[in-house]
PDB file of N, CA and C in Angstrom:
ATOM      1  N   MET A   1     113.217 144.375   5.125  1.00  0.00           N
ATOM      2  CA  MET A   1     112.665 144.320   6.477  1.00  0.00           C
ATOM      3  C   MET A   1     111.234 143.804   6.399  1.00  0.00           C
ATOM      4  N   THR A   2     110.874 143.039   7.377  1.00  0.00           N
ATOM      5  CA  THR A   2     109.549 142.430   7.415  1.00  0.00           C
ATOM      6  C   THR A   2     108.515 143.389   8.002  1.00  0.00           C
ATOM      7  N   THR A   3     107.256 143.148   7.685  1.00  0.00           N
ATOM      8  CA  THR A   3     106.177 143.991   8.199  1.00  0.00           C
ATOM      9  C   THR A   3     105.594 143.385   9.466  1.00  0.00           C
ATOM     10  N   GLY A   4     104.828 144.206  10.184  1.00  0.00           N
ATOM     11  CA  GLY A   4     104.132 143.713  11.371  1.00  0.00           C
ATOM     12  C   GLY A   4     103.201 142.565  11.037  1.00  0.00           C
ATOM     13  N   ALA A   5     102.530 142.657   9.897  1.00  0.00           N
ATOM     14  CA  ALA A   5     101.598 141.592   9.491  1.00  0.00           C
ATOM     15  C   ALA A   5     102.331 140.274   9.245  1.00  0.00           C
ATOM     16  N   GLN A   6     103.531 140.331   8.689  1.00  0.00           N
ATOM     17  CA  GLN A   6     104.304 139.110   8.462  1.00  0.00           C
ATOM     18  C   GLN A   6     104.751 138.488   9.785  1.00  0.00           C
ATOM     19  N   ILE A   7     105.146 139.338  10.724  1.00  0.00           N
ATOM     20  CA  ILE A   7     105.527 138.829  12.044  1.00  0.00           C
ATOM     21  C   ILE A   7     104.317 138.216  12.731  1.00  0.00           C
ATOM     22  N   ASP A   8     103.184 138.911  12.686  1.00  0.00           N
ATOM     23  CA  ASP A   8     101.951 138.387  13.281  1.00  0.00           C
ATOM     24  C   ASP A   8     101.613 137.027  12.699  1.00  0.00           C
ATOM     25  N   ASP A   9     101.742 136.897  11.383  1.00  0.00           N
ATOM     26  CA  ASP A   9     101.424 135.641  10.712  1.00  0.00           C
ATOM     27  C   ASP A   9     102.331 134.513  11.194  1.00  0.00           C
ATOM     28  N   ALA A  10     103.631 134.794  11.355  1.00  0.00           N
ATOM     29  CA  ALA A  10     104.561 133.775  11.850  1.00  0.00           C
ATOM     30  C   ALA A  10     104.204 133.352  13.277  1.00  0.00           C
ATOM     31  N   ILE A  11     103.816 134.295  14.111  1.00  0.00           N
ATOM     32  CA  ILE A  11     103.429 134.006  15.495  1.00  0.00           C
ATOM     33  C   ILE A  11     102.173 133.141  15.514  1.00  0.00           C
ATOM     34  N   ILE A  12     101.159 133.551  14.770  1.00  0.00           N
ATOM     35  CA  ILE A  12      99.882 132.826  14.741  1.00  0.00           C
ATOM     36  C   ILE A  12     100.079 131.414  14.181  1.00  0.00           C
ATOM     37  N   ARG A  13     100.859 131.297  13.102  1.00  0.00           N
ATOM     38  CA  ARG A  13     101.107 129.972  12.510  1.00  0.00           C
ATOM     39  C   ARG A  13     101.758 129.041  13.516  1.00  0.00           C
ATOM     40  N   TYR A  14     102.742 129.533  14.273  1.00  0.00           N
ATOM     41  CA  TYR A  14     103.380 128.691  15.275  1.00  0.00           C
ATOM     42  C   TYR A  14     102.386 128.277  16.352  1.00  0.00           C
ATOM     43  N   LEU A  15     101.590 129.218  16.839  1.00  0.00           N
ATOM     44  CA  LEU A  15     100.645 128.888  17.911  1.00  0.00           C
ATOM     45  C   LEU A  15      99.550 127.935  17.435  1.00  0.00           C
ATOM     46  N   LYS A  16      99.218 127.951  16.158  1.00  0.00           N
ATOM     47  CA  LYS A  16      98.236 126.988  15.636  1.00  0.00           C
ATOM     48  C   LYS A  16      98.755 125.562  15.744  1.00  0.00           C
ATOM     49  N   THR A  17     100.071 125.380  15.684  1.00  0.00           N
ATOM     50  CA  THR A  17     100.642 124.038  15.823  1.00  0.00           C
ATOM     51  C   THR A  17     100.606 123.559  17.272  1.00  0.00           C
ATOM     52  N   ALA A  18     100.352 124.446  18.201  1.00  0.00           N
ATOM     53  CA  ALA A  18     100.346 124.105  19.632  1.00  0.00           C
ATOM     54  C   ALA A  18      99.021 123.503  20.074  1.00  0.00           C
ATOM     55  N   SER A  19      98.043 123.431  19.196  1.00  0.00           N
ATOM     56  CA  SER A  19      96.750 122.817  19.501  1.00  0.00           C
ATOM     57  C   SER A  19      96.092 123.407  20.742  1.00  0.00           C
ATOM     58  N   GLY A  20      96.133 124.729  20.875  1.00  0.00           N
ATOM     59  CA  GLY A  20      95.459 125.402  21.975  1.00  0.00           C
ATOM     60  C   GLY A  20      96.211 125.431  23.287  1.00  0.00           C
ATOM     61  N   ARG A  21      97.399 124.845  23.323  1.00  0.00           N
ATOM     62  CA  ARG A  21      98.185 124.836  24.560  1.00  0.00           C
ATOM     63  C   ARG A  21      98.943 126.142  24.725  1.00  0.00           C
ATOM     64  N   TRP A  22      99.217 126.477  25.972  1.00  0.00           N
ATOM     65  CA  TRP A  22     100.004 127.661  26.287  1.00  0.00           C
ATOM     66  C   TRP A  22     101.446 127.430  25.858  1.00  0.00           C
ATOM     67  N   ARG A  23     102.087 128.489  25.378  1.00  0.00           N
ATOM     68  CA  ARG A  23     103.493 128.449  24.993  1.00  0.00           C
ATOM     69  C   ARG A  23     104.219 129.627  25.620  1.00  0.00           C
ATOM     70  N   LYS A  24     105.425 129.364  26.108  1.00  0.00           N
ATOM     71  CA  LYS A  24     106.249 130.432  26.683  1.00  0.00           C
ATOM     72  C   LYS A  24     106.511 131.496  25.620  1.00  0.00           C
ATOM     73  N   VAL A  25     106.454 132.750  26.033  1.00  0.00           N
ATOM     74  CA  VAL A  25     106.702 133.852  25.105  1.00  0.00           C
ATOM     75  C   VAL A  25     108.104 133.713  24.507  1.00  0.00           C
ATOM     76  N   ALA A  26     109.086 133.310  25.293  1.00  0.00           N
ATOM     77  CA  ALA A  26     110.445 133.137  24.773  1.00  0.00           C
ATOM     78  C   ALA A  26     110.471 132.130  23.630  1.00  0.00           C
ATOM     79  N   MET A  27     109.713 131.042  23.750  1.00  0.00           N
ATOM     80  CA  MET A  27     109.659 130.027  22.699  1.00  0.00           C
ATOM     81  C   MET A  27     108.993 130.581  21.445  1.00  0.00           C
ATOM     82  N   VAL A  28     107.915 131.322  21.626  1.00  0.00           N
ATOM     83  CA  VAL A  28     107.210 131.906  20.485  1.00  0.00           C
ATOM     84  C   VAL A  28     108.120 132.900  19.760  1.00  0.00           C
ATOM     85  N   ILE A  29     108.835 133.702  20.521  1.00  0.00           N
ATOM     86  CA  ILE A  29     109.769 134.659  19.912  1.00  0.00           C
ATOM     87  C   ILE A  29     110.836 133.916  19.117  1.00  0.00           C
ATOM     88  N   GLY A  30     111.392 132.874  19.692  1.00  0.00           N
ATOM     89  CA  GLY A  30     112.422 132.094  19.004  1.00  0.00           C
ATOM     90  C   GLY A  30     111.912 131.440  17.737  1.00  0.00           C
ATOM     91  N   GLN A  31     110.736 130.846  17.809  1.00  0.00           N
ATOM     92  CA  GLN A  31     110.174 130.172  16.641  1.00  0.00           C
ATOM     93  C   GLN A  31     109.838 131.158  15.527  1.00  0.00           C
ATOM     94  N   ALA A  32     109.215 132.264  15.893  1.00  0.00           N
ATOM     95  CA  ALA A  32     108.866 133.273  14.885  1.00  0.00           C
ATOM     96  C   ALA A  32     110.141 133.861  14.266  1.00  0.00           C
ATOM     97  N   SER A  33     111.157 134.078  15.083  1.00  0.00           N
ATOM     98  CA  SER A  33     112.422 134.612  14.571  1.00  0.00           C
ATOM     99  C   SER A  33     113.080 133.637  13.605  1.00  0.00           C
ATOM    100  N   ASP A  34     113.034 132.349  13.931  1.00  0.00           N
ATOM    101  CA  ASP A  34     113.588 131.338  13.033  1.00  0.00           C
ATOM    102  C   ASP A  34     112.831 131.318  11.705  1.00  0.00           C
ATOM    103  N   THR A  35     111.516 131.432  11.776  1.00  0.00           N
ATOM    104  CA  THR A  35     110.693 131.445  10.570  1.00  0.00           C
ATOM    105  C   THR A  35     111.046 132.633   9.686  1.00  0.00           C
ATOM    106  N   LEU A  36     111.309 133.766  10.301  1.00  0.00           N
ATOM    107  CA  LEU A  36     111.571 135.006   9.569  1.00  0.00           C
ATOM    108  C   LEU A  36     113.063 135.292   9.424  1.00  0.00           C
ATOM    109  N   MET A  37     113.887 134.278   9.605  1.00  0.00           N
ATOM    110  CA  MET A  37     115.330 134.449   9.592  1.00  0.00           C
ATOM    111  C   MET A  37     115.769 135.259   8.366  1.00  0.00           C
ATOM    112  N   GLY A  38     116.603 136.237   8.599  1.00  0.00           N
ATOM    113  CA  GLY A  38     117.108 137.079   7.532  1.00  0.00           C
ATOM    114  C   GLY A  38     116.234 138.275   7.229  1.00  0.00           C
ATOM    115  N   GLU A  39     115.005 138.254   7.725  1.00  0.00           N
ATOM    116  CA  GLU A  39     114.079 139.358   7.471  1.00  0.00           C
ATOM    117  C   GLU A  39     113.929 140.284   8.679  1.00  0.00           C
ATOM    118  N   LEU A  40     114.447 139.863   9.815  1.00  0.00           N
ATOM    119  CA  LEU A  40     114.389 140.660  11.041  1.00  0.00           C
ATOM    120  C   LEU A  40     115.755 141.271  11.309  1.00  0.00           C
ATOM    121  N   PRO A  41     115.806 142.346  12.089  1.00  0.00           N
ATOM    122  CA  PRO A  41     117.114 142.853  12.523  1.00  0.00           C
ATOM    123  C   PRO A  41     117.842 141.764  13.313  1.00  0.00           C
ATOM    124  N   ASP A  42     119.141 141.784  13.295  1.00  0.00           N
ATOM    125  CA  ASP A  42     119.933 140.775  13.995  1.00  0.00           C
ATOM    126  C   ASP A  42     119.813 140.898  15.505  1.00  0.00           C
ATOM    127  N   GLY A  43     119.906 139.756  16.169  1.00  0.00           N
ATOM    128  CA  GLY A  43     120.004 139.695  17.614  1.00  0.00           C
ATOM    129  C   GLY A  43     118.809 140.231  18.374  1.00  0.00           C
ATOM    130  N   GLU A  44     119.130 140.898  19.469  1.00  0.00           N
ATOM    131  CA  GLU A  44     118.129 141.378  20.422  1.00  0.00           C
ATOM    132  C   GLU A  44     117.088 142.289  19.770  1.00  0.00           C
ATOM    133  N   ALA A  45     117.497 143.096  18.808  1.00  0.00           N
ATOM    134  CA  ALA A  45     116.555 144.014  18.154  1.00  0.00           C
ATOM    135  C   ALA A  45     115.438 143.245  17.440  1.00  0.00           C
ATOM    136  N   GLY A  46     115.784 142.147  16.803  1.00  0.00           N
ATOM    137  CA  GLY A  46     114.779 141.323  16.134  1.00  0.00           C
ATOM    138  C   GLY A  46     113.843 140.659  17.126  1.00  0.00           C
ATOM    139  N   TYR A  47     114.403 140.154  18.227  1.00  0.00           N
ATOM    140  CA  TYR A  47     113.582 139.516  19.255  1.00  0.00           C
ATOM    141  C   TYR A  47     112.612 140.524  19.878  1.00  0.00           C
ATOM    142  N   LYS A  48     113.105 141.720  20.134  1.00  0.00           N
ATOM    143  CA  LYS A  48     112.245 142.748  20.720  1.00  0.00           C
ATOM    144  C   LYS A  48     111.122 143.141  19.769  1.00  0.00           C
ATOM    145  N   LEU A  49     111.397 143.143  18.481  1.00  0.00           N
ATOM    146  CA  LEU A  49     110.368 143.443  17.496  1.00  0.00           C
ATOM    147  C   LEU A  49     109.254 142.400  17.543  1.00  0.00           C
ATOM    148  N   VAL A  50     109.630 141.127  17.628  1.00  0.00           N
ATOM    149  CA  VAL A  50     108.631 140.053  17.733  1.00  0.00           C
ATOM    150  C   VAL A  50     107.870 140.179  19.054  1.00  0.00           C
ATOM    151  N   ALA A  51     108.568 140.464  20.145  1.00  0.00           N
ATOM    152  CA  ALA A  51     107.911 140.621  21.446  1.00  0.00           C
ATOM    153  C   ALA A  51     106.885 141.748  21.418  1.00  0.00           C
ATOM    154  N   THR A  52     107.219 142.833  20.747  1.00  0.00           N
ATOM    155  CA  THR A  52     106.284 143.950  20.623  1.00  0.00           C
ATOM    156  C   THR A  52     105.039 143.529  19.843  1.00  0.00           C
ATOM    157  N   ARG A  53     105.227 142.734  18.807  1.00  0.00           N
ATOM    158  CA  ARG A  53     104.080 142.253  18.024  1.00  0.00           C
ATOM    159  C   ARG A  53     103.207 141.320  18.871  1.00  0.00           C
ATOM    160  N   ILE A  54     103.814 140.517  19.738  1.00  0.00           N
ATOM    161  CA  ILE A  54     103.035 139.650  20.626  1.00  0.00           C
ATOM    162  C   ILE A  54     102.182 140.509  21.551  1.00  0.00           C
ATOM    163  N   GLU A  55     102.763 141.555  22.120  1.00  0.00           N
ATOM    164  CA  GLU A  55     102.005 142.459  22.987  1.00  0.00           C
ATOM    165  C   GLU A  55     100.839 143.094  22.226  1.00  0.00           C
ATOM    166  N   THR A  56     101.076 143.463  20.979  1.00  0.00           N
ATOM    167  CA  THR A  56     100.027 144.054  20.147  1.00  0.00           C
ATOM    168  C   THR A  56      98.910 143.054  19.881  1.00  0.00           C
ATOM    169  N   LEU A  57      99.277 141.802  19.602  1.00  0.00           N
ATOM    170  CA  LEU A  57      98.270 140.768  19.361  1.00  0.00           C
ATOM    171  C   LEU A  57      97.435 140.490  20.613  1.00  0.00           C
ATOM    172  N   VAL A  58      98.068 140.523  21.770  1.00  0.00           N
ATOM    173  CA  VAL A  58      97.337 140.339  23.031  1.00  0.00           C
ATOM    174  C   VAL A  58      96.394 141.522  23.250  1.00  0.00           C
ATOM    175  N   ALA A  59      96.879 142.733  23.048  1.00  0.00           N
ATOM    176  CA  ALA A  59      96.057 143.931  23.250  1.00  0.00           C
ATOM    177  C   ALA A  59      94.848 143.952  22.323  1.00  0.00           C
ATOM    178  N   SER A  60      95.000 143.399  21.124  1.00  0.00           N
ATOM    179  CA  SER A  60      93.891 143.392  20.159  1.00  0.00           C
ATOM    180  C   SER A  60      92.963 142.198  20.335  1.00  0.00           C
ATOM    181  N   GLY A  61      93.302 141.274  21.252  1.00  0.00           N
ATOM    182  CA  GLY A  61      92.449 140.118  21.502  1.00  0.00           C
ATOM    183  C   GLY A  61      92.715 138.936  20.585  1.00  0.00           C
ATOM    184  N   ARG A  62      93.736 139.011  19.737  1.00  0.00           N
ATOM    185  CA  ARG A  62      94.047 137.901  18.847  1.00  0.00           C
ATOM    186  C   ARG A  62      94.829 136.798  19.557  1.00  0.00           C
ATOM    187  N   LEU A  63      95.440 137.141  20.708  1.00  0.00           N
ATOM    188  CA  LEU A  63      96.099 136.167  21.577  1.00  0.00           C
ATOM    189  C   LEU A  63      95.659 136.442  23.006  1.00  0.00           C
ATOM    190  N   VAL A  64      95.731 135.422  23.845  1.00  0.00           N
ATOM    191  CA  VAL A  64      95.523 135.616  25.280  1.00  0.00           C
ATOM    192  C   VAL A  64      96.845 135.315  25.971  1.00  0.00           C
ATOM    193  N   SER A  65      97.039 135.936  27.119  1.00  0.00           N
ATOM    194  CA  SER A  65      98.314 135.774  27.821  1.00  0.00           C
ATOM    195  C   SER A  65      98.090 135.533  29.297  1.00  0.00           C
ATOM    196  N   GLN A  66      99.145 135.030  29.915  1.00  0.00           N
ATOM    197  CA  GLN A  66      99.195 134.942  31.377  1.00  0.00           C
ATOM    198  C   GLN A  66     100.611 135.279  31.789  1.00  0.00           C
ATOM    199  N   GLY A  67     100.710 136.086  32.830  1.00  0.00           N
ATOM    200  CA  GLY A  67     102.007 136.546  33.296  1.00  0.00           C
ATOM    201  C   GLY A  67     102.384 137.885  32.682  1.00  0.00           C
ATOM    202  N   ASP A  68     103.523 138.377  33.086  1.00  0.00           N
ATOM    203  CA  ASP A  68     104.057 139.659  32.627  1.00  0.00           C
ATOM    204  C   ASP A  68     104.781 139.435  31.298  1.00  0.00           C
ATOM    205  N   LEU A  69     104.229 139.958  30.210  1.00  0.00           N
ATOM    206  CA  LEU A  69     104.792 139.722  28.886  1.00  0.00           C
ATOM    207  C   LEU A  69     106.214 140.241  28.720  1.00  0.00           C
ATOM    208  N   SER A  70     106.631 141.148  29.577  1.00  0.00           N
ATOM    209  CA  SER A  70     108.007 141.633  29.482  1.00  0.00           C
ATOM    210  C   SER A  70     109.010 140.615  30.028  1.00  0.00           C
ATOM    211  N   LEU A  71     108.504 139.629  30.756  1.00  0.00           N
ATOM    212  CA  LEU A  71     109.342 138.538  31.271  1.00  0.00           C
ATOM    213  C   LEU A  71     109.116 137.328  30.370  1.00  0.00           C
ATOM    214  N   TRP A  72     109.863 137.263  29.289  1.00  0.00           N
ATOM    215  CA  TRP A  72     109.610 136.294  28.227  1.00  0.00           C
ATOM    216  C   TRP A  72     109.604 134.846  28.700  1.00  0.00           C
ATOM    217  N   ARG A  73     110.446 134.495  29.639  1.00  0.00           N
ATOM    218  CA  ARG A  73     110.511 133.103  30.102  1.00  0.00           C
ATOM    219  C   ARG A  73     109.476 132.778  31.177  1.00  0.00           C
ATOM    220  N   ASN A  74     108.825 133.809  31.691  1.00  0.00           N
ATOM    221  CA  ASN A  74     107.858 133.610  32.774  1.00  0.00           C
ATOM    222  C   ASN A  74     106.422 133.917  32.354  1.00  0.00           C
ATOM    223  N   SER A  75     106.200 134.148  31.087  1.00  0.00           N
ATOM    224  CA  SER A  75     104.846 134.441  30.611  1.00  0.00           C
ATOM    225  C   SER A  75     104.526 133.520  29.448  1.00  0.00           C
ATOM    226  N   GLU A  76     103.240 133.361  29.200  1.00  0.00           N
ATOM    227  CA  GLU A  76     102.789 132.440  28.162  1.00  0.00           C
ATOM    228  C   GLU A  76     101.670 133.079  27.347  1.00  0.00           C
ATOM    229  N   VAL A  77     101.531 132.596  26.125  1.00  0.00           N
ATOM    230  CA  VAL A  77     100.446 133.041  25.247  1.00  0.00           C
ATOM    231  C   VAL A  77      99.839 131.828  24.552  1.00  0.00           C
ATOM    232  N   CYS A  78      98.613 132.002  24.112  1.00  0.00           N
ATOM    233  CA  CYS A  78      97.961 130.997  23.280  1.00  0.00           C
ATOM    234  C   CYS A  78      96.879 131.689  22.460  1.00  0.00           C
ATOM    235  N   LEU A  79      96.334 130.950  21.513  1.00  0.00           N
ATOM    236  CA  LEU A  79      95.223 131.473  20.727  1.00  0.00           C
ATOM    237  C   LEU A  79      93.954 131.408  21.562  1.00  0.00           C
ATOM    238  N   PRO A  80      93.066 132.373  21.415  1.00  0.00           N
ATOM    239  CA  PRO A  80      91.813 132.322  22.176  1.00  0.00           C
ATOM    240  C   PRO A  80      90.963 131.142  21.716  1.00  0.00           C
ATOM    241  N   THR A  81      90.193 130.606  22.643  1.00  0.00           N
ATOM    242  CA  THR A  81      89.326 129.462  22.293  1.00  0.00           C
ATOM    243  C   THR A  81      87.921 129.912  22.024  1.00  0.00           C
TER     244      THR A  81
END
């Protein structure tokens, strides 16, 4: 099983490729899950784990967000500038 730090790293690495642009939370979850394939729980449980880490990163100021993070397709995150 992967650690929170490994999930955070996958999220941050993906957002660094976005060049400061906003990305849908659903896309970030999908990309991070693909990066960590085999290390996360299968299906919805793995996605929810990544979503929880995104919320933690936003709460700590490592990411900024817009919209309701629980609505993955209607919210976005990016790295702070």
